[in-house]
Amino acid sequence: MVAAQRDLGRPTELLEAFKTVGFTPSMSKVAAMWSGTPVTVRLDDLDKVCAVLNCTVGDLLQAEPLEADCGGERGTAEGRGS
């Protein structure tokens, strides 16, 4: 994890670092982020996370392949199985 590479060894240390840039998530949210569990983060807060960790969004996020196409066009009701 990027935080460990920045000598932030515990979620509580990460929370304290976030506070320095005005990002004050709950401890449970920080713990979820630490463990790699997907959480909702606003884009402006994502910028603050990157500022604390001296990284880019690409360092934090991992692309997941899309499910196989079901025959409909992507973005239509048919493509979503409705």
PDB file of N, CA and C in Angstrom:
ATOM      1  N   MET A   1       0.844  -1.202   0.000  1.00  0.00           N
ATOM      2  CA  MET A   1       0.000   0.000   0.000  1.00  0.00           C
ATOM      3  C   MET A   1       0.874   1.245   0.000  1.00  0.00           C
ATOM      4  N   VAL A   2       0.371   2.277  -0.623  1.00  0.00           N
ATOM      5  CA  VAL A   2       1.119   3.522  -0.746  1.00  0.00           C
ATOM      6  C   VAL A   2       1.437   4.103   0.621  1.00  0.00           C
ATOM      7  N   ALA A   3       0.525   4.017   1.579  1.00  0.00           N
ATOM      8  CA  ALA A   3       0.763   4.575   2.916  1.00  0.00           C
ATOM      9  C   ALA A   3       1.966   3.922   3.578  1.00  0.00           C
ATOM     10  N   ALA A   4       2.090   2.622   3.467  1.00  0.00           N
ATOM     11  CA  ALA A   4       3.217   1.919   4.064  1.00  0.00           C
ATOM     12  C   ALA A   4       4.526   2.368   3.426  1.00  0.00           C
ATOM     13  N   GLN A   5       4.500   2.670   2.151  1.00  0.00           N
ATOM     14  CA  GLN A   5       5.694   3.157   1.464  1.00  0.00           C
ATOM     15  C   GLN A   5       6.073   4.553   1.935  1.00  0.00           C
ATOM     16  N   ARG A   6       5.145   5.250   2.580  1.00  0.00           N
ATOM     17  CA  ARG A   6       5.389   6.605   3.083  1.00  0.00           C
ATOM     18  C   ARG A   6       5.616   6.603   4.593  1.00  0.00           C
ATOM     19  N   ASP A   7       5.962   5.449   5.147  1.00  0.00           N
ATOM     20  CA  ASP A   7       6.228   5.289   6.585  1.00  0.00           C
ATOM     21  C   ASP A   7       5.019   5.580   7.462  1.00  0.00           C
ATOM     22  N   LEU A   8       3.847   5.339   6.946  1.00  0.00           N
ATOM     23  CA  LEU A   8       2.623   5.414   7.739  1.00  0.00           C
ATOM     24  C   LEU A   8       2.220   3.973   8.008  1.00  0.00           C
ATOM     25  N   GLY A   9       2.612   3.456   9.161  1.00  0.00           N
ATOM     26  CA  GLY A   9       2.483   2.032   9.431  1.00  0.00           C
ATOM     27  C   GLY A   9       1.169   1.575  10.009  1.00  0.00           C
ATOM     28  N   ARG A  10       0.312   2.512  10.410  1.00  0.00           N
ATOM     29  CA  ARG A  10      -0.962   2.124  11.026  1.00  0.00           C
ATOM     30  C   ARG A  10      -2.066   3.047  10.549  1.00  0.00           C
ATOM     31  N   PRO A  11      -3.293   2.544  10.545  1.00  0.00           N
ATOM     32  CA  PRO A  11      -4.420   3.402  10.128  1.00  0.00           C
ATOM     33  C   PRO A  11      -4.530   4.680  10.958  1.00  0.00           C
ATOM     34  N   THR A  12      -4.201   4.612  12.255  1.00  0.00           N
ATOM     35  CA  THR A  12      -4.292   5.813  13.093  1.00  0.00           C
ATOM     36  C   THR A  12      -3.294   6.877  12.635  1.00  0.00           C
ATOM     37  N   GLU A  13      -2.114   6.457  12.170  1.00  0.00           N
ATOM     38  CA  GLU A  13      -1.136   7.404  11.640  1.00  0.00           C
ATOM     39  C   GLU A  13      -1.639   8.033  10.346  1.00  0.00           C
ATOM     40  N   LEU A  14      -2.295   7.227   9.537  1.00  0.00           N
ATOM     41  CA  LEU A  14      -2.867   7.728   8.293  1.00  0.00           C
ATOM     42  C   LEU A  14      -3.955   8.751   8.580  1.00  0.00           C
ATOM     43  N   LEU A  15      -4.795   8.474   9.558  1.00  0.00           N
ATOM     44  CA  LEU A  15      -5.852   9.411   9.940  1.00  0.00           C
ATOM     45  C   LEU A  15      -5.261  10.743  10.384  1.00  0.00           C
ATOM     46  N   GLU A  16      -4.218  10.704  11.187  1.00  0.00           N
ATOM     47  CA  GLU A  16      -3.573  11.941  11.634  1.00  0.00           C
ATOM     48  C   GLU A  16      -2.988  12.713  10.455  1.00  0.00           C
ATOM     49  N   ALA A  17      -2.392  12.001   9.512  1.00  0.00           N
ATOM     50  CA  ALA A  17      -1.836  12.657   8.328  1.00  0.00           C
ATOM     51  C   ALA A  17      -2.948  13.296   7.502  1.00  0.00           C
ATOM     52  N   PHE A  18      -4.082  12.625   7.364  1.00  0.00           N
ATOM     53  CA  PHE A  18      -5.213  13.188   6.623  1.00  0.00           C
ATOM     54  C   PHE A  18      -5.678  14.494   7.258  1.00  0.00           C
ATOM     55  N   LYS A  19      -5.693  14.544   8.568  1.00  0.00           N
ATOM     56  CA  LYS A  19      -6.164  15.749   9.263  1.00  0.00           C
ATOM     57  C   LYS A  19      -5.318  16.967   8.921  1.00  0.00           C
ATOM     58  N   THR A  20      -4.049  16.758   8.571  1.00  0.00           N
ATOM     59  CA  THR A  20      -3.175  17.898   8.253  1.00  0.00           C
ATOM     60  C   THR A  20      -3.589  18.610   6.977  1.00  0.00           C
ATOM     61  N   VAL A  21      -4.372  17.945   6.125  1.00  0.00           N
ATOM     62  CA  VAL A  21      -4.837  18.569   4.883  1.00  0.00           C
ATOM     63  C   VAL A  21      -6.348  18.804   4.882  1.00  0.00           C
ATOM     64  N   GLY A  22      -6.971  18.671   6.065  1.00  0.00           N
ATOM     65  CA  GLY A  22      -8.397  18.959   6.180  1.00  0.00           C
ATOM     66  C   GLY A  22      -9.314  17.822   5.781  1.00  0.00           C
ATOM     67  N   PHE A  23      -8.785  16.613   5.669  1.00  0.00           N
ATOM     68  CA  PHE A  23      -9.612  15.440   5.358  1.00  0.00           C
ATOM     69  C   PHE A  23      -9.808  14.683   6.655  1.00  0.00           C
ATOM     70  N   THR A  24     -11.068  14.605   7.111  1.00  0.00           N
ATOM     71  CA  THR A  24     -11.340  13.998   8.419  1.00  0.00           C
ATOM     72  C   THR A  24     -12.357  12.857   8.309  1.00  0.00           C
ATOM     73  N   PRO A  25     -11.961  11.760   7.675  1.00  0.00           N
ATOM     74  CA  PRO A  25     -12.871  10.617   7.583  1.00  0.00           C
ATOM     75  C   PRO A  25     -12.974   9.914   8.935  1.00  0.00           C
ATOM     76  N   SER A  26     -13.969   9.058   9.060  1.00  0.00           N
ATOM     77  CA  SER A  26     -14.103   8.266  10.280  1.00  0.00           C
ATOM     78  C   SER A  26     -12.983   7.231  10.337  1.00  0.00           C
ATOM     79  N   MET A  27     -12.689   6.750  11.531  1.00  0.00           N
ATOM     80  CA  MET A  27     -11.672   5.724  11.683  1.00  0.00           C
ATOM     81  C   MET A  27     -12.063   4.460  10.929  1.00  0.00           C
ATOM     82  N   SER A  28     -13.356   4.147  10.880  1.00  0.00           N
ATOM     83  CA  SER A  28     -13.789   2.944  10.160  1.00  0.00           C
ATOM     84  C   SER A  28     -13.529   3.090   8.660  1.00  0.00           C
ATOM     85  N   LYS A  29     -13.690   4.303   8.127  1.00  0.00           N
ATOM     86  CA  LYS A  29     -13.405   4.532   6.705  1.00  0.00           C
ATOM     87  C   LYS A  29     -11.908   4.398   6.434  1.00  0.00           C
ATOM     88  N   VAL A  30     -11.093   4.951   7.320  1.00  0.00           N
ATOM     89  CA  VAL A  30      -9.642   4.838   7.162  1.00  0.00           C
ATOM     90  C   VAL A  30      -9.222   3.369   7.245  1.00  0.00           C
ATOM     91  N   ALA A  31      -9.801   2.635   8.179  1.00  0.00           N
ATOM     92  CA  ALA A  31      -9.468   1.212   8.320  1.00  0.00           C
ATOM     93  C   ALA A  31      -9.862   0.447   7.059  1.00  0.00           C
ATOM     94  N   ALA A  32     -10.998   0.781   6.471  1.00  0.00           N
ATOM     95  CA  ALA A  32     -11.427   0.127   5.238  1.00  0.00           C
ATOM     96  C   ALA A  32     -10.473   0.466   4.092  1.00  0.00           C
ATOM     97  N   MET A  33     -10.071   1.723   4.007  1.00  0.00           N
ATOM     98  CA  MET A  33      -9.114   2.122   2.980  1.00  0.00           C
ATOM     99  C   MET A  33      -7.794   1.367   3.181  1.00  0.00           C
ATOM    100  N   TRP A  34      -7.374   1.259   4.426  1.00  0.00           N
ATOM    101  CA  TRP A  34      -6.119   0.596   4.773  1.00  0.00           C
ATOM    102  C   TRP A  34      -6.147  -0.872   4.354  1.00  0.00           C
ATOM    103  N   SER A  35      -7.274  -1.515   4.557  1.00  0.00           N
ATOM    104  CA  SER A  35      -7.378  -2.945   4.270  1.00  0.00           C
ATOM    105  C   SER A  35      -7.657  -3.231   2.794  1.00  0.00           C
ATOM    106  N   GLY A  36      -7.907  -2.174   2.023  1.00  0.00           N
ATOM    107  CA  GLY A  36      -8.174  -2.369   0.601  1.00  0.00           C
ATOM    108  C   GLY A  36      -9.638  -2.597   0.284  1.00  0.00           C
ATOM    109  N   THR A  37     -10.497  -2.453   1.275  1.00  0.00           N
ATOM    110  CA  THR A  37     -11.931  -2.584   1.067  1.00  0.00           C
ATOM    111  C   THR A  37     -12.432  -1.350   0.319  1.00  0.00           C
ATOM    112  N   PRO A  38     -13.203  -1.531  -0.750  1.00  0.00           N
ATOM    113  CA  PRO A  38     -13.697  -0.363  -1.486  1.00  0.00           C
ATOM    114  C   PRO A  38     -14.566   0.538  -0.613  1.00  0.00           C
ATOM    115  N   VAL A  39     -14.291   1.817  -0.660  1.00  0.00           N
ATOM    116  CA  VAL A  39     -15.090   2.813   0.053  1.00  0.00           C
ATOM    117  C   VAL A  39     -15.377   3.966  -0.894  1.00  0.00           C
ATOM    118  N   THR A  40     -16.397   4.717  -0.579  1.00  0.00           N
ATOM    119  CA  THR A  40     -16.728   5.907  -1.357  1.00  0.00           C
ATOM    120  C   THR A  40     -15.884   7.069  -0.864  1.00  0.00           C
ATOM    121  N   VAL A  41     -15.208   7.739  -1.787  1.00  0.00           N
ATOM    122  CA  VAL A  41     -14.402   8.910  -1.454  1.00  0.00           C
ATOM    123  C   VAL A  41     -14.700   9.985  -2.497  1.00  0.00           C
ATOM    124  N   ARG A  42     -15.037  11.172  -2.020  1.00  0.00           N
ATOM    125  CA  ARG A  42     -15.287  12.280  -2.943  1.00  0.00           C
ATOM    126  C   ARG A  42     -14.009  12.635  -3.675  1.00  0.00           C
ATOM    127  N   LEU A  43     -14.143  13.154  -4.890  1.00  0.00           N
ATOM    128  CA  LEU A  43     -12.968  13.483  -5.689  1.00  0.00           C
ATOM    129  C   LEU A  43     -12.073  14.515  -5.014  1.00  0.00           C
ATOM    130  N   ASP A  44     -12.669  15.517  -4.365  1.00  0.00           N
ATOM    131  CA  ASP A  44     -11.820  16.509  -3.696  1.00  0.00           C
ATOM    132  C   ASP A  44     -11.077  15.889  -2.515  1.00  0.00           C
ATOM    133  N   ASP A  45     -11.691  14.903  -1.846  1.00  0.00           N
ATOM    134  CA  ASP A  45     -10.999  14.202  -0.771  1.00  0.00           C
ATOM    135  C   ASP A  45      -9.906  13.288  -1.325  1.00  0.00           C
ATOM    136  N   LEU A  46     -10.137  12.736  -2.502  1.00  0.00           N
ATOM    137  CA  LEU A  46      -9.114  11.911  -3.146  1.00  0.00           C
ATOM    138  C   LEU A  46      -7.870  12.751  -3.430  1.00  0.00           C
ATOM    139  N   ASP A  47      -8.071  13.994  -3.818  1.00  0.00           N
ATOM    140  CA  ASP A  47      -6.931  14.902  -4.012  1.00  0.00           C
ATOM    141  C   ASP A  47      -6.158  15.091  -2.707  1.00  0.00           C
ATOM    142  N   LYS A  48      -6.871  15.187  -1.595  1.00  0.00           N
ATOM    143  CA  LYS A  48      -6.218  15.354  -0.291  1.00  0.00           C
ATOM    144  C   LYS A  48      -5.445  14.100   0.101  1.00  0.00           C
ATOM    145  N   VAL A  49      -6.016  12.940  -0.182  1.00  0.00           N
ATOM    146  CA  VAL A  49      -5.321  11.671   0.089  1.00  0.00           C
ATOM    147  C   VAL A  49      -4.017  11.644  -0.702  1.00  0.00           C
ATOM    148  N   CYS A  50      -4.084  12.023  -1.963  1.00  0.00           N
ATOM    149  CA  CYS A  50      -2.887  12.034  -2.803  1.00  0.00           C
ATOM    150  C   CYS A  50      -1.859  13.036  -2.286  1.00  0.00           C
ATOM    151  N   ALA A  51      -2.319  14.169  -1.778  1.00  0.00           N
ATOM    152  CA  ALA A  51      -1.398  15.167  -1.232  1.00  0.00           C
ATOM    153  C   ALA A  51      -0.655  14.610  -0.021  1.00  0.00           C
ATOM    154  N   VAL A  52      -1.371  13.942   0.853  1.00  0.00           N
ATOM    155  CA  VAL A  52      -0.752  13.365   2.051  1.00  0.00           C
ATOM    156  C   VAL A  52       0.251  12.284   1.678  1.00  0.00           C
ATOM    157  N   LEU A  53      -0.119  11.449   0.720  1.00  0.00           N
ATOM    158  CA  LEU A  53       0.714  10.303   0.374  1.00  0.00           C
ATOM    159  C   LEU A  53       1.745  10.617  -0.721  1.00  0.00           C
ATOM    160  N   ASN A  54       1.699  11.868  -1.230  1.00  0.00           N
ATOM    161  CA  ASN A  54       2.614  12.270  -2.289  1.00  0.00           C
ATOM    162  C   ASN A  54       2.569  11.265  -3.440  1.00  0.00           C
ATOM    163  N   CYS A  55       1.352  11.045  -3.938  1.00  0.00           N
ATOM    164  CA  CYS A  55       1.155  10.070  -5.006  1.00  0.00           C
ATOM    165  C   CYS A  55       0.115  10.596  -5.985  1.00  0.00           C
ATOM    166  N   THR A  56      -0.192   9.804  -6.987  1.00  0.00           N
ATOM    167  CA  THR A  56      -1.236  10.146  -7.946  1.00  0.00           C
ATOM    168  C   THR A  56      -2.419   9.217  -7.734  1.00  0.00           C
ATOM    169  N   VAL A  57      -3.535   9.567  -8.323  1.00  0.00           N
ATOM    170  CA  VAL A  57      -4.724   8.721  -8.241  1.00  0.00           C
ATOM    171  C   VAL A  57      -4.419   7.333  -8.804  1.00  0.00           C
ATOM    172  N   GLY A  58      -3.612   7.281  -9.848  1.00  0.00           N
ATOM    173  CA  GLY A  58      -3.243   6.001 -10.447  1.00  0.00           C
ATOM    174  C   GLY A  58      -2.488   5.083  -9.488  1.00  0.00           C
ATOM    175  N   ASP A  59      -1.814   5.673  -8.500  1.00  0.00           N
ATOM    176  CA  ASP A  59      -1.122   4.863  -7.495  1.00  0.00           C
ATOM    177  C   ASP A  59      -2.105   4.220  -6.518  1.00  0.00           C
ATOM    178  N   LEU A  60      -3.299   4.795  -6.410  1.00  0.00           N
ATOM    179  CA  LEU A  60      -4.278   4.332  -5.421  1.00  0.00           C
ATOM    180  C   LEU A  60      -5.344   3.411  -5.986  1.00  0.00           C
ATOM    181  N   LEU A  61      -5.701   3.610  -7.242  1.00  0.00           N
ATOM    182  CA  LEU A  61      -6.812   2.876  -7.824  1.00  0.00           C
ATOM    183  C   LEU A  61      -6.323   1.775  -8.753  1.00  0.00           C
ATOM    184  N   GLN A  62      -7.101   0.730  -8.814  1.00  0.00           N
ATOM    185  CA  GLN A  62      -6.782  -0.381  -9.699  1.00  0.00           C
ATOM    186  C   GLN A  62      -7.981  -0.640 -10.593  1.00  0.00           C
ATOM    187  N   ALA A  63      -7.749  -0.649 -11.898  1.00  0.00           N
ATOM    188  CA  ALA A  63      -8.832  -0.899 -12.847  1.00  0.00           C
ATOM    189  C   ALA A  63      -9.271  -2.353 -12.755  1.00  0.00           C
ATOM    190  N   GLU A  64     -10.562  -2.569 -12.891  1.00  0.00           N
ATOM    191  CA  GLU A  64     -11.109  -3.920 -12.915  1.00  0.00           C
ATOM    192  C   GLU A  64     -11.730  -4.156 -14.280  1.00  0.00           C
ATOM    193  N   PRO A  65     -11.477  -5.322 -14.867  1.00  0.00           N
ATOM    194  CA  PRO A  65     -12.055  -5.580 -16.194  1.00  0.00           C
ATOM    195  C   PRO A  65     -13.576  -5.597 -16.137  1.00  0.00           C
ATOM    196  N   LEU A  66     -14.186  -5.146 -17.226  1.00  0.00           N
ATOM    197  CA  LEU A  66     -15.643  -5.167 -17.328  1.00  0.00           C
ATOM    198  C   LEU A  66     -16.115  -6.596 -17.511  1.00  0.00           C
ATOM    199  N   GLU A  67     -17.340  -6.857 -17.109  1.00  0.00           N
ATOM    200  CA  GLU A  67     -17.920  -8.173 -17.345  1.00  0.00           C
ATOM    201  C   GLU A  67     -18.080  -8.381 -18.844  1.00  0.00           C
ATOM    202  N   ALA A  68     -18.149  -9.636 -19.253  1.00  0.00           N
ATOM    203  CA  ALA A  68     -18.317  -9.950 -20.673  1.00  0.00           C
ATOM    204  C   ALA A  68     -19.588  -9.300 -21.200  1.00  0.00           C
ATOM    205  N   ASP A  69     -19.536  -8.817 -22.436  1.00  0.00           N
ATOM    206  CA  ASP A  69     -20.670  -8.162 -23.070  1.00  0.00           C
ATOM    207  C   ASP A  69     -21.806  -9.167 -23.246  1.00  0.00           C
ATOM    208  N   CYS A  70     -23.001  -8.791 -22.878  1.00  0.00           N
ATOM    209  CA  CYS A  70     -24.166  -9.682 -22.965  1.00  0.00           C
ATOM    210  C   CYS A  70     -24.899  -9.534 -24.287  1.00  0.00           C
ATOM    211  N   GLY A  71     -24.285  -8.921 -25.279  1.00  0.00           N
ATOM    212  CA  GLY A  71     -24.920  -8.791 -26.586  1.00  0.00           C
ATOM    213  C   GLY A  71     -25.513  -7.427 -26.850  1.00  0.00           C
ATOM    214  N   GLY A  72     -25.813  -6.659 -25.821  1.00  0.00           N
ATOM    215  CA  GLY A  72     -26.366  -5.328 -26.029  1.00  0.00           C
ATOM    216  C   GLY A  72     -25.256  -4.303 -26.057  1.00  0.00           C
ATOM    217  N   GLU A  73     -25.595  -3.087 -26.487  1.00  0.00           N
ATOM    218  CA  GLU A  73     -24.604  -2.032 -26.505  1.00  0.00           C
ATOM    219  C   GLU A  73     -24.431  -1.485 -25.111  1.00  0.00           C
ATOM    220  N   ARG A  74     -23.215  -1.136 -24.780  1.00  0.00           N
ATOM    221  CA  ARG A  74     -22.920  -0.583 -23.472  1.00  0.00           C
ATOM    222  C   ARG A  74     -23.608   0.772 -23.324  1.00  0.00           C
ATOM    223  N   GLY A  75     -24.217   0.981 -22.173  1.00  0.00           N
ATOM    224  CA  GLY A  75     -24.868   2.257 -21.912  1.00  0.00           C
ATOM    225  C   GLY A  75     -26.333   2.282 -22.290  1.00  0.00           C
ATOM    226  N   THR A  76     -26.864   1.177 -22.845  1.00  0.00           N
ATOM    227  CA  THR A  76     -28.286   1.121 -23.170  1.00  0.00           C
ATOM    228  C   THR A  76     -28.978   0.203 -22.175  1.00  0.00           C
ATOM    229  N   ALA A  77     -30.284   0.282 -22.119  1.00  0.00           N
ATOM    230  CA  ALA A  77     -31.039  -0.590 -21.228  1.00  0.00           C
ATOM    231  C   ALA A  77     -30.804  -2.052 -21.579  1.00  0.00           C
ATOM    232  N   GLU A  78     -30.677  -2.337 -22.882  1.00  0.00           N
ATOM    233  CA  GLU A  78     -30.412  -3.726 -23.303  1.00  0.00           C
ATOM    234  C   GLU A  78     -29.086  -4.219 -22.756  1.00  0.00           C
ATOM    235  N   GLY A  79     -28.081  -3.375 -22.813  1.00  0.00           N
ATOM    236  CA  GLY A  79     -26.749  -3.756 -22.374  1.00  0.00           C
ATOM    237  C   GLY A  79     -26.657  -3.981 -20.879  1.00  0.00           C
ATOM    238  N   ARG A  80     -27.583  -3.384 -20.129  1.00  0.00           N
ATOM    239  CA  ARG A  80     -27.577  -3.555 -18.667  1.00  0.00           C
ATOM    240  C   ARG A  80     -28.491  -4.698 -18.248  1.00  0.00           C
ATOM    241  N   GLY A  81     -29.065  -5.379 -19.174  1.00  0.00           N
ATOM    242  CA  GLY A  81     -29.913  -6.520 -18.846  1.00  0.00           C
ATOM    243  C   GLY A  81     -31.293  -6.159 -18.359  1.00  0.00           C
ATOM    244  N   SER A  82     -31.747  -4.916 -18.638  1.00  0.00           N
ATOM    245  CA  SER A  82     -33.078  -4.496 -18.192  1.00  0.00           C
ATOM    246  C   SER A  82     -34.126  -4.881 -19.206  1.00  0.00           C
TER     247      SER A  82
END
